[in-house]
Each structure stands twice: as structure tokens, then as C-alpha cells.
Amino acid sequence: MRLTSAFFAALLAMAICGNARAETHPLLTSKFTVQGGTFLPRIDFRAGVDASASLENPDFDLEGQLGVSNRDNLVSGNFDWRFTPDWSAHLQYFEVGRSGTAVLQQDVNFGDVIFQQGSSVTAGTNTTILRAFLGREFSQKEYTSYGVGAGLHRLSLSLSLSGDIVANGMQLLNQTRAVGTTAPLPNIGAWYGWSPSPKWLVGARIDWLAASIGDYSGGLLNTALGVDYQLSRHFGIGAKYQIVRLSLDIDKPAWTGNVELEYEGAYIYLSANWD
């Protein structure tokens, strides 16, 4: 009986709060929103760099083989512009540079050279992701937001290894080999947000791609689930759990090979909004 009474009391309280609130969450209606914070992901980076005449070099693991840490703190930012009640544009940016040194437990093939087992090798990588997205809102309720859209991920990758190598049967000391590429990856996406009160907003979004585009083919997943708390009319805080996964085959003169990349972790930020 007590449990039943408590249940109906909770329903009544929620109904009263829902009917009584005089305003919606500011992030659902503001024209401009800026978020800035730190992304704390676990990182997994695997790559293959093939010689131009061969596509048989095995992948190597930066974290498992080359001493690069699988944890890092990244500065990340978002900008949202609601230019009509139904249409909005979104930008997201983060960049990370990492390096590490390890004694190789097995040979690493990098293009047409070999970094041999037992040698000390320093690996470096830099990744920049810029996400642009245009969305169409369909919600007719003041406390929800959902819609679909399309966008573009601009991915810039660079990778280098430094150490002693074997090239054409000859050993060369203190050599560096590097590759890099910039890939434009279009995607489709969707989002949903729900505000149980003017202070709280819960939301999720997903971007997805699986296609062959020019010199690139592969798949992309960029998704996030989080909550925002509004401190005042124009400022708030928030936290999201974000996953970025990329599988990319590359066929360019500067880099023939592939990349498997994953970022997964918490994004903690401050937000500012205005009209």
C-alpha cells in the first residue's frame, strides 16, 4: 500500500511540475550555443602503410607495439547556430597529438622499409577532426527536440616512425618515415533531446557513414549521450559519453594503407547561450 501511494504521489508531483513550468530549457530555443571543455577518451589507433607495389604489410598497433599511451586529455569545442526555428548548423572540433617510444617485439613494416625487432622506435601521430552538420528540426513540443540532417567530417591524420631501418637490404640509422592524409567524409545523422525541467536537458545524437568516396572507403560512427544543467539563463555545464570510430582504407600516393581509429570516453564542458 505504501509503495502504491508513493508511486501515485510521484506521478502527481511530476504532472504538477510539468504543468507548472513557465519556460523551456534555454538550449532548446537559443539562437547561439558554445561549448568548450575536455574530452577524456580511451584511444585505439591501428594503421597499415603499404609499399606502392604491395598491399600486404600487416597493421601495427600504436598503443600495443609502439609505446603510445591509450589515454589522453583533449581540448574540444562545439558551436551551434539555430538560424530559423526549424533549421540549425553545428560545428565540433578536437585535436590530439601523441607520441611514444618502445623496443619492438616484432618487425614493423612501414611502406618499403622495415623497423626491426629489438630496435628502439619513436612513434608520433596527430589527429584533427572537424565536424560540420546541418539539421532539420521536427519537434512541435517546447520540451523536446529531435531531427535529422547531413554533414561532413574533415579528418586530418599524420603518422611517423623514427629509428633504425632496413631498406633494400641495407641498414640505415636514425631514419624517419612519415605519412599523412586529409579525408572529407560526408555523413547522415539524427538527434533527440528531452528537457524534464527548465534546468535539465538529456540528449543523444548519432552520425554515420559507410561509403567509398574517391581515394577513401570505409565507415564512420560518431555518437554521444549526455546531460546538461543550466546554471543561469546564459550559462550551463554538461557531460557526455562520446564514441568516435573510424575504419578507413586509403589509396593515395602519399599513403596507401588503412587506419582503424577509436576514441571513447567522457566529454565534460561549460556552455554559453544567447540570442
Foldseek 3Di string as FASTA:
>chain_A
DVVVVVVVVVVVVLVCQVVPADAEALVLPFQKKKKKFKWKWQKWKKWDFAAPVDFPFDIDTCVPFAAKHRIDIKIKMKMKGDPDNFKIKMKIKIKDKIKGKDQGCAWHDHHQKIDGHRWIKMKIKMKMKMKIWMWTWDDPDRFKTKTKTKIKIWIKMKMKMWAWIAHPNDIDGGDMDMFIDIDIFMWIKMKMWGHSHNFKIWMKMWTKDAADDVQKGWIKIKMKTWMWGAPDSFKTWIKIWIKIWTWMQGDDPRGGIIMTIIITGMTIIMMTGHD
